[in-house]
Amino acid sequence: MNDLIGRGGPKLDLLSVLVVEDSAFIRNVLTATLRAIGVGTVHGEPTGADAIRLIEERRAALPPGTAPVDLIISDLVMPEVDGLMLLRWVRYSPRSPDRFLPMLMLSGAADRHYVEQARDLGATDFIAKPFSAGIIASRLLTAIARPRRFVLAKGYFGPDRRRSQRPVAMDCRMTHGSEILVVHSKSKAVGIDRYPVIHFELPNRLGAKVGLAPKDPVPVLPAEVLAAAEAEIQNRAGDYATWIAGEVDELARRVERLRAEPAAVPGLVAQINRSAHEMRGQGGIFGYPLITHVAKSLYEATHGSFTAVTDNERLLFKAHVDAIKAVMNARVSGDGGATGKQLLATLDVAKKKYAKVEGDPGAA
C-alpha cells in the first residue's frame, strides 16, 4: 500500500506524527488509520504531559536540529494536561523544540468554546469527532502542503487566523503595512522589537520532506488507499461494541452511586460528564450515530458544577444510560429506522418529565 502512495504522491512514510488522546481505543484507531494512509512513524500518548515527556526525550536522543515529531494530532479535552495546555507549551514554552510545529486538534460536537480557545492559542486546524479516514487525510495533507504563515502580534502567536469570519481583537488585519515585519528565516528576525506585527514567511519544511514543491496542489490520496484506511476504522466496530459495553456498565454504576454517596456527587457527575464526552465523539465513527446523539445530550445534562443532584436529575441521567444500553444491546446502527425513532422518542419523554422542577404540582 505504501508503494501505491509513493508513486507520484507524497512520501508520507517519511513523516513522524504524535497522537495525543486519552481514550486508548480511539488512540489506537487513529494510529492504525494514519499508518493505513502511509504515515511512516506514529507515536501515541494518553495525555499532554506524556506527550511533552516523549518530545523532550526524543529531542535529547536525536541529533541536533532533528525534529522530535513532524506533526501533532491532539484531543482537546483530556484530564490533567489537556490539549490546550499542550498547545500552549508548544507555541510559548522556551522548552518547545519547534514553536511552528503543526498541531491538529480533535474536537467534539459541543466543544466550540474549546475550539475558540485553541484557535487563539495557535492551533493549525481541527478534526471534528466523529471523524473519517478521509477527513484525517485531508486535514493532514492540507497542513503539510498549505501551511499558513505564522503571525506574532500582541497576545497571539500562531498560524494566520484571517480565514476566520469572526473578527478577533488581537488580529492584525487592520495593521498598516509599514508596521509589519516580514521574516523569511527563523534566524533573521533582526529588529523584531520595533514592529507590532511579525509575519513569518518560512520555507515549507514538511512539504519538502515528503517531496512536494511549493506550488504543488494539495495531494489527494488514491481512492483505494482511503478505502483501506476507512476499513481499518470500520473493522473495529465489533471491538467498539464490546469495549463500550463495559464503559456503559461503569456509567450506570456511577449514576446509581449518586443516590448512595452524596459526598461523592461532584466527582461522580464529573466522571459521567467525561464518559459522555468520550462516547459522543466515538459512536458515529463506528456506525452508531445514535450513541453520539444520546451521549451529547447526557454531556449537556451533566455539564457544569454539581454539589448535589435531585432525584429527577439522577433519573434523567439514568434514562440516557438506558438509551445507550438499548442501542448497543440491539446493535442499532445508522439512524436505527423505527427502532431508533422510538428510542429517541422515549428519551425525549424522559427529558421533559425529569426536567420539571421537583415539588412542582405538575411534575407528577
Protein backbone atom coordinates (compact mmCIF):
# COMPACT_ATOMS: atom_id res chain seq x y z
CA MET A 1 0.00 0.00 0.00
CA ASN A 2 2.86 2.42 0.78
CA ASP A 3 4.26 1.76 -2.70
CA LEU A 4 0.92 2.82 -4.14
CA ILE A 5 1.02 6.07 -2.16
CA GLY A 6 4.63 6.79 -3.05
CA ARG A 7 4.26 6.58 -6.84
CA GLY A 8 3.90 10.24 -7.77
CA GLY A 9 2.35 11.08 -4.41
CA PRO A 10 3.64 12.48 -1.12
CA LYS A 11 6.19 10.36 0.72
CA LEU A 12 4.18 10.10 3.92
CA ASP A 13 6.35 7.21 5.08
CA LEU A 14 8.98 9.83 5.98
CA LEU A 15 6.63 11.56 8.43
CA SER A 16 6.53 11.22 12.21
CA VAL A 17 3.16 12.01 13.82
CA LEU A 18 2.32 12.13 17.53
CA VAL A 19 -1.26 11.24 18.53
CA VAL A 20 -2.36 12.51 21.96
CA GLU A 21 -5.71 11.03 23.06
CA ASP A 22 -6.71 9.76 26.49
CA SER A 23 -9.10 7.12 25.10
CA ALA A 24 -6.85 4.15 24.34
CA PHE A 25 -9.43 2.80 21.93
CA ILE A 26 -9.62 5.99 19.83
CA ARG A 27 -5.85 6.47 20.08
CA ASN A 28 -5.33 3.01 18.57
CA VAL A 29 -7.89 3.73 15.83
CA LEU A 30 -6.14 6.97 14.90
CA THR A 31 -2.76 5.25 14.91
CA ALA A 32 -3.99 2.46 12.62
CA THR A 33 -5.68 4.96 10.30
CA LEU A 34 -2.56 7.11 9.96
CA ARG A 35 -0.46 4.05 9.18
CA ALA A 36 -3.04 2.92 6.62
CA ILE A 37 -2.76 6.22 4.72
CA GLY A 38 1.01 5.80 4.67
CA VAL A 39 2.45 7.70 7.65
CA GLY A 40 5.73 6.02 8.50
CA THR A 41 6.04 6.63 12.25
CA VAL A 42 3.15 7.16 14.66
CA HIS A 43 3.63 7.73 18.38
CA GLY A 44 0.70 7.58 20.79
CA GLU A 45 0.38 9.15 24.24
CA PRO A 46 -2.64 9.41 26.61
CA THR A 47 -2.11 12.94 28.00
CA GLY A 48 -0.43 16.23 27.24
CA ALA A 49 2.10 15.58 30.00
CA ASP A 50 3.08 12.26 28.40
CA ALA A 51 3.35 13.99 25.02
CA ILE A 52 5.72 16.63 26.42
CA ARG A 53 7.81 13.92 28.05
CA LEU A 54 8.07 11.99 24.75
CA ILE A 55 9.01 15.12 22.80
CA GLU A 56 11.73 16.06 25.28
CA GLU A 57 13.12 12.54 25.41
CA ARG A 58 13.26 12.30 21.61
CA ARG A 59 14.85 15.73 21.30
CA ALA A 60 17.60 14.66 23.73
CA ALA A 61 18.19 11.38 21.88
CA LEU A 62 18.17 12.68 18.29
CA PRO A 63 20.93 14.63 16.51
CA PRO A 64 20.73 18.45 16.94
CA GLY A 65 18.30 20.04 14.51
CA THR A 66 16.25 16.87 14.07
CA ALA A 67 12.55 17.32 14.77
CA PRO A 68 11.28 15.01 17.55
CA VAL A 69 7.99 14.75 15.62
CA ASP A 70 6.74 16.41 12.45
CA LEU A 71 3.13 16.99 13.45
CA ILE A 72 0.83 16.51 16.46
CA ILE A 73 -2.80 15.39 16.49
CA SER A 74 -4.23 16.04 19.93
CA ASP A 75 -7.60 15.74 21.61
CA LEU A 76 -8.73 18.98 23.23
CA VAL A 77 -10.43 17.66 26.36
CA MET A 78 -8.21 15.39 28.48
CA PRO A 79 -7.60 15.03 32.22
CA GLU A 80 -4.78 16.95 33.87
CA VAL A 81 -2.69 18.34 30.97
CA ASP A 82 -5.26 18.77 28.18
CA GLY A 83 -4.86 19.70 24.53
CA LEU A 84 -4.99 23.43 25.23
CA MET A 85 -2.14 23.18 27.73
CA LEU A 86 -0.10 21.09 25.30
CA LEU A 87 -0.74 23.61 22.52
CA ARG A 88 0.30 26.48 24.80
CA TRP A 89 3.52 24.60 25.68
CA VAL A 90 4.39 24.02 22.02
CA ARG A 91 3.72 27.64 20.99
CA TYR A 92 5.09 29.51 24.02
CA SER A 93 7.38 27.41 26.21
CA PRO A 94 11.13 28.03 25.94
CA ARG A 95 11.47 24.23 26.18
CA SER A 96 9.43 23.69 23.00
CA PRO A 97 11.61 22.19 20.26
CA ASP A 98 9.66 23.95 17.50
CA ARG A 99 7.09 26.68 18.14
CA PHE A 100 5.98 26.39 14.49
CA LEU A 101 5.08 22.71 14.85
CA PRO A 102 1.75 21.91 13.09
CA MET A 103 -0.95 20.92 15.60
CA LEU A 104 -4.28 19.42 14.53
CA MET A 105 -6.80 19.42 17.37
CA LEU A 106 -9.53 16.79 17.81
CA SER A 107 -12.80 18.37 18.89
CA GLY A 108 -16.21 17.00 19.81
CA ALA A 109 -19.51 18.39 18.54
CA ALA A 110 -20.09 20.58 21.60
CA ASP A 111 -16.55 21.88 22.02
CA ARG A 112 -16.99 25.31 20.42
CA HIS A 113 -15.53 27.19 23.40
CA TYR A 114 -12.53 24.83 23.42
CA VAL A 115 -12.14 25.25 19.66
CA GLU A 116 -12.11 29.03 20.01
CA GLN A 117 -9.53 28.86 22.77
CA ALA A 118 -7.38 26.51 20.70
CA ARG A 119 -7.62 28.77 17.65
CA ASP A 120 -6.49 31.72 19.76
CA LEU A 121 -3.57 29.68 21.12
CA GLY A 122 -2.34 28.90 17.61
CA ALA A 123 -3.94 25.63 16.51
CA THR A 124 -3.19 24.71 12.91
CA ASP A 125 -6.56 23.07 12.18
CA PHE A 126 -9.32 20.93 13.67
CA ILE A 127 -10.59 17.38 13.14
CA ALA A 128 -14.18 17.04 14.30
CA LYS A 129 -15.43 13.94 16.09
CA PRO A 130 -16.83 11.70 14.74
CA PHE A 131 -14.15 11.60 12.05
CA SER A 132 -13.45 9.50 8.97
CA ALA A 133 -10.25 8.38 7.28
CA GLY A 134 -10.91 10.90 4.50
CA ILE A 135 -11.15 13.80 6.96
CA ILE A 136 -7.94 12.78 8.73
CA ALA A 137 -6.08 12.51 5.41
CA SER A 138 -7.45 15.82 4.15
CA ARG A 139 -6.50 17.79 7.28
CA LEU A 140 -3.06 16.18 7.41
CA LEU A 141 -2.24 16.82 3.74
CA THR A 142 -3.53 20.40 3.86
CA ALA A 143 -1.37 21.14 6.90
CA ILE A 144 1.65 19.76 5.05
CA ALA A 145 1.05 21.24 1.60
CA ARG A 146 -0.55 24.59 2.54
CA PRO A 147 0.93 25.80 5.82
CA ARG A 148 -0.35 29.26 6.74
CA ARG A 149 2.22 31.89 7.57
CA PHE A 150 2.80 32.44 11.27
CA VAL A 151 1.89 35.73 12.91
CA LEU A 152 3.38 37.26 16.04
CA ALA A 153 1.25 40.09 17.42
CA LYS A 154 0.13 41.39 20.78
CA GLY A 155 -1.37 38.42 22.62
CA TYR A 156 -1.03 35.95 19.76
CA PHE A 157 1.48 33.68 18.11
CA GLY A 158 0.41 31.06 15.59
CA PRO A 159 -0.92 30.46 12.06
CA ASP A 160 -2.67 33.43 10.46
CA ARG A 161 -6.32 33.32 11.57
CA ARG A 162 -7.72 35.61 8.90
CA ARG A 163 -9.62 32.78 7.24
CA SER A 164 -12.00 33.04 10.26
CA GLN A 165 -15.18 35.04 9.65
CA ARG A 166 -15.46 36.35 13.21
CA PRO A 167 -13.23 39.35 13.96
CA VAL A 168 -10.71 38.80 16.73
CA ALA A 169 -9.47 41.90 18.53
CA MET A 170 -5.86 40.74 18.73
CA ASP A 171 -5.60 40.01 15.00
CA CYS A 172 -3.58 42.40 12.86
CA ARG A 173 -5.96 42.67 9.90
CA MET A 174 -6.07 46.46 10.03
CA THR A 175 -2.36 46.91 10.67
CA HIS A 176 -0.65 49.22 8.18
CA GLY A 177 1.98 47.58 6.00
CA SER A 178 4.75 49.74 7.42
CA GLU A 179 4.07 48.25 10.88
CA ILE A 180 4.60 44.66 9.73
CA LEU A 181 8.00 42.99 9.64
CA VAL A 182 8.18 40.03 7.25
CA VAL A 183 10.71 37.42 8.32
CA HIS A 184 11.84 34.79 5.83
CA SER A 185 14.11 32.81 8.14
CA LYS A 186 13.91 31.80 11.81
CA SER A 187 17.45 33.14 12.29
CA LYS A 188 16.99 36.59 10.72
CA ALA A 189 14.40 38.29 12.93
CA VAL A 190 16.51 41.46 13.27
CA GLY A 191 14.86 44.49 14.88
CA ILE A 192 11.83 42.43 15.83
CA ASP A 193 11.02 44.64 18.85
CA ARG A 194 10.38 47.69 16.65
CA TYR A 195 7.33 46.16 14.92
CA PRO A 196 3.90 45.42 16.46
CA VAL A 197 3.31 42.60 13.99
CA ILE A 198 5.67 39.98 12.59
CA HIS A 199 4.82 37.74 9.63
CA PHE A 200 6.97 34.61 9.34
CA GLU A 201 7.19 33.52 5.69
CA LEU A 202 9.22 30.37 6.25
CA PRO A 203 10.17 27.54 3.89
CA ASN A 204 7.75 24.63 3.93
CA ARG A 205 9.91 22.05 5.68
CA LEU A 206 7.30 19.32 5.80
CA GLY A 207 6.26 19.81 2.19
CA ALA A 208 9.87 19.46 1.09
CA LYS A 209 10.32 16.42 3.34
CA VAL A 210 7.51 14.50 1.62
CA GLY A 211 8.55 15.63 -1.86
CA LEU A 212 6.10 18.49 -2.55
CA ALA A 213 7.14 21.59 -4.47
CA PRO A 214 5.92 24.99 -3.16
CA LYS A 215 3.28 25.41 -5.88
CA ASP A 216 2.11 21.79 -5.97
CA PRO A 217 -1.62 21.34 -5.26
CA VAL A 218 -2.76 19.70 -2.05
CA PRO A 219 -2.34 15.97 -2.76
CA VAL A 220 -5.31 13.61 -2.86
CA LEU A 221 -4.64 10.03 -1.86
CA PRO A 222 -5.76 7.20 -4.16
CA ALA A 223 -9.30 6.01 -3.54
CA GLU A 224 -8.09 2.51 -2.71
CA VAL A 225 -5.77 3.89 -0.01
CA LEU A 226 -8.59 5.84 1.63
CA ALA A 227 -10.87 2.80 1.36
CA ALA A 228 -8.28 0.66 3.13
CA ALA A 229 -7.89 3.30 5.84
CA GLU A 230 -11.65 3.54 6.32
CA ALA A 231 -11.77 -0.25 6.55
CA GLU A 232 -9.25 -0.02 9.42
CA ILE A 233 -11.82 2.07 11.28
CA GLN A 234 -14.90 0.01 10.44
CA ASN A 235 -13.16 -3.29 11.20
CA ARG A 236 -13.01 -2.09 14.79
CA ALA A 237 -16.78 -1.61 15.05
CA GLY A 238 -17.17 -5.01 16.71
CA ASP A 239 -14.37 -4.23 19.15
CA TYR A 240 -16.06 -0.92 19.87
CA ALA A 241 -19.36 -2.62 20.73
CA THR A 242 -17.55 -4.91 23.17
CA TRP A 243 -15.49 -2.10 24.65
CA ILE A 244 -18.37 0.30 25.14
CA ALA A 245 -20.45 -2.34 26.94
CA GLY A 246 -18.03 -2.17 29.86
CA GLU A 247 -17.99 1.63 29.70
CA VAL A 248 -21.79 1.81 29.86
CA ASP A 249 -21.90 -0.60 32.80
CA GLU A 250 -19.47 1.62 34.68
CA LEU A 251 -21.53 4.67 33.71
CA ALA A 252 -24.66 3.01 35.14
CA ARG A 253 -22.85 2.21 38.41
CA ARG A 254 -21.81 5.84 38.78
CA VAL A 255 -25.39 7.02 38.26
CA GLU A 256 -26.59 4.61 40.96
CA ARG A 257 -23.89 5.79 43.36
CA LEU A 258 -25.24 9.33 43.13
CA ARG A 259 -28.07 8.35 45.46
CA ALA A 260 -26.00 6.30 47.91
CA GLU A 261 -22.92 8.56 48.12
CA PRO A 262 -23.98 12.22 48.32
CA ALA A 263 -20.48 13.34 49.33
CA ALA A 264 -19.09 11.88 46.10
CA VAL A 265 -21.60 13.66 43.83
CA PRO A 266 -19.21 16.32 42.38
CA GLY A 267 -16.64 13.73 41.32
CA LEU A 268 -19.22 11.22 40.06
CA VAL A 269 -21.03 13.77 37.89
CA ALA A 270 -17.68 14.94 36.50
CA GLN A 271 -16.84 11.32 35.60
CA ILE A 272 -20.25 10.82 33.98
CA ASN A 273 -19.77 14.02 32.01
CA ARG A 274 -16.31 12.89 30.91
CA SER A 275 -17.62 9.48 29.77
CA ALA A 276 -20.45 11.14 27.86
CA HIS A 277 -17.92 13.41 26.16
CA GLU A 278 -15.90 10.40 25.04
CA MET A 279 -18.94 8.48 23.80
CA ARG A 280 -20.39 11.35 21.81
CA GLY A 281 -17.20 11.52 19.76
CA GLN A 282 -16.97 7.78 19.19
CA GLY A 283 -20.36 6.37 18.22
CA GLY A 284 -20.59 7.97 14.80
CA ILE A 285 -17.11 6.76 13.88
CA PHE A 286 -18.17 3.12 14.16
CA GLY A 287 -21.64 3.34 12.65
CA TYR A 288 -23.62 4.18 15.81
CA PRO A 289 -24.68 7.83 15.37
CA LEU A 290 -27.47 7.32 17.93
CA ILE A 291 -24.76 6.88 20.57
CA THR A 292 -23.32 10.25 19.56
CA HIS A 293 -26.79 11.84 19.80
CA VAL A 294 -27.66 10.39 23.22
CA ALA A 295 -24.18 10.90 24.70
CA LYS A 296 -24.15 14.54 23.58
CA SER A 297 -27.47 15.03 25.38
CA LEU A 298 -26.06 13.40 28.54
CA TYR A 299 -22.93 15.55 28.29
CA GLU A 300 -25.08 18.68 28.22
CA ALA A 301 -27.23 17.45 31.12
CA THR A 302 -24.18 16.83 33.32
CA HIS A 303 -22.15 19.86 32.24
CA GLY A 304 -21.37 22.35 34.99
CA SER A 305 -20.72 22.24 38.72
CA PHE A 306 -22.81 19.85 40.82
CA THR A 307 -22.66 19.76 44.62
CA ALA A 308 -25.82 17.63 44.80
CA VAL A 309 -28.30 16.01 42.42
CA THR A 310 -32.07 15.76 42.71
CA ASP A 311 -33.95 12.53 42.14
CA ASN A 312 -35.18 13.94 38.85
CA GLU A 313 -31.64 14.70 37.71
CA ARG A 314 -30.49 11.21 38.63
CA LEU A 315 -33.43 9.66 36.78
CA LEU A 316 -32.65 11.85 33.77
CA PHE A 317 -29.06 10.61 33.75
CA LYS A 318 -30.31 7.03 34.08
CA ALA A 319 -32.68 7.47 31.12
CA HIS A 320 -29.71 8.44 28.95
CA VAL A 321 -27.66 5.47 30.12
CA ASP A 322 -30.59 3.13 29.46
CA ALA A 323 -30.91 4.55 25.93
CA ILE A 324 -27.21 3.94 25.24
CA LYS A 325 -27.56 0.38 26.56
CA ALA A 326 -30.57 -0.23 24.33
CA VAL A 327 -28.69 0.96 21.24
CA MET A 328 -25.71 -1.28 21.91
CA ASN A 329 -27.67 -4.34 23.11
CA ALA A 330 -29.74 -4.30 19.91
CA ARG A 331 -26.76 -3.15 17.76
CA VAL A 332 -28.89 -0.30 16.39
CA SER A 333 -26.64 1.08 13.66
CA GLY A 334 -27.27 4.10 11.45
CA ASP A 335 -30.41 6.03 12.35
CA GLY A 336 -31.99 2.78 13.56
CA GLY A 337 -35.16 3.19 11.48
CA ALA A 338 -38.35 2.77 13.51
CA THR A 339 -36.41 1.38 16.49
CA GLY A 340 -34.14 4.41 16.54
CA LYS A 341 -37.06 6.81 16.37
CA GLN A 342 -38.75 5.01 19.25
CA LEU A 343 -35.58 5.16 21.37
CA LEU A 344 -35.19 8.88 20.79
CA ALA A 345 -38.89 9.50 21.43
CA THR A 346 -38.63 7.62 24.74
CA LEU A 347 -35.60 9.67 25.73
CA ASP A 348 -37.40 12.91 24.81
CA VAL A 349 -40.31 11.92 27.06
CA ALA A 350 -37.88 11.27 29.93
CA LYS A 351 -36.14 14.59 29.36
CA LYS A 352 -39.41 16.50 29.50
CA LYS A 353 -40.61 14.58 32.55
CA TYR A 354 -37.47 14.80 34.67
CA ALA A 355 -36.56 18.34 33.64
CA LYS A 356 -39.56 19.59 35.65
CA VAL A 357 -38.71 21.17 38.99
CA GLU A 358 -39.23 18.84 41.94
CA GLY A 359 -42.11 20.00 44.09
CA ASP A 360 -43.96 21.48 41.11
CA PRO A 361 -47.57 20.25 41.29
CA GLY A 362 -47.40 19.45 37.59
CA ALA A 363 -44.34 17.23 37.97
CA ALA A 364 -46.27 14.09 38.89
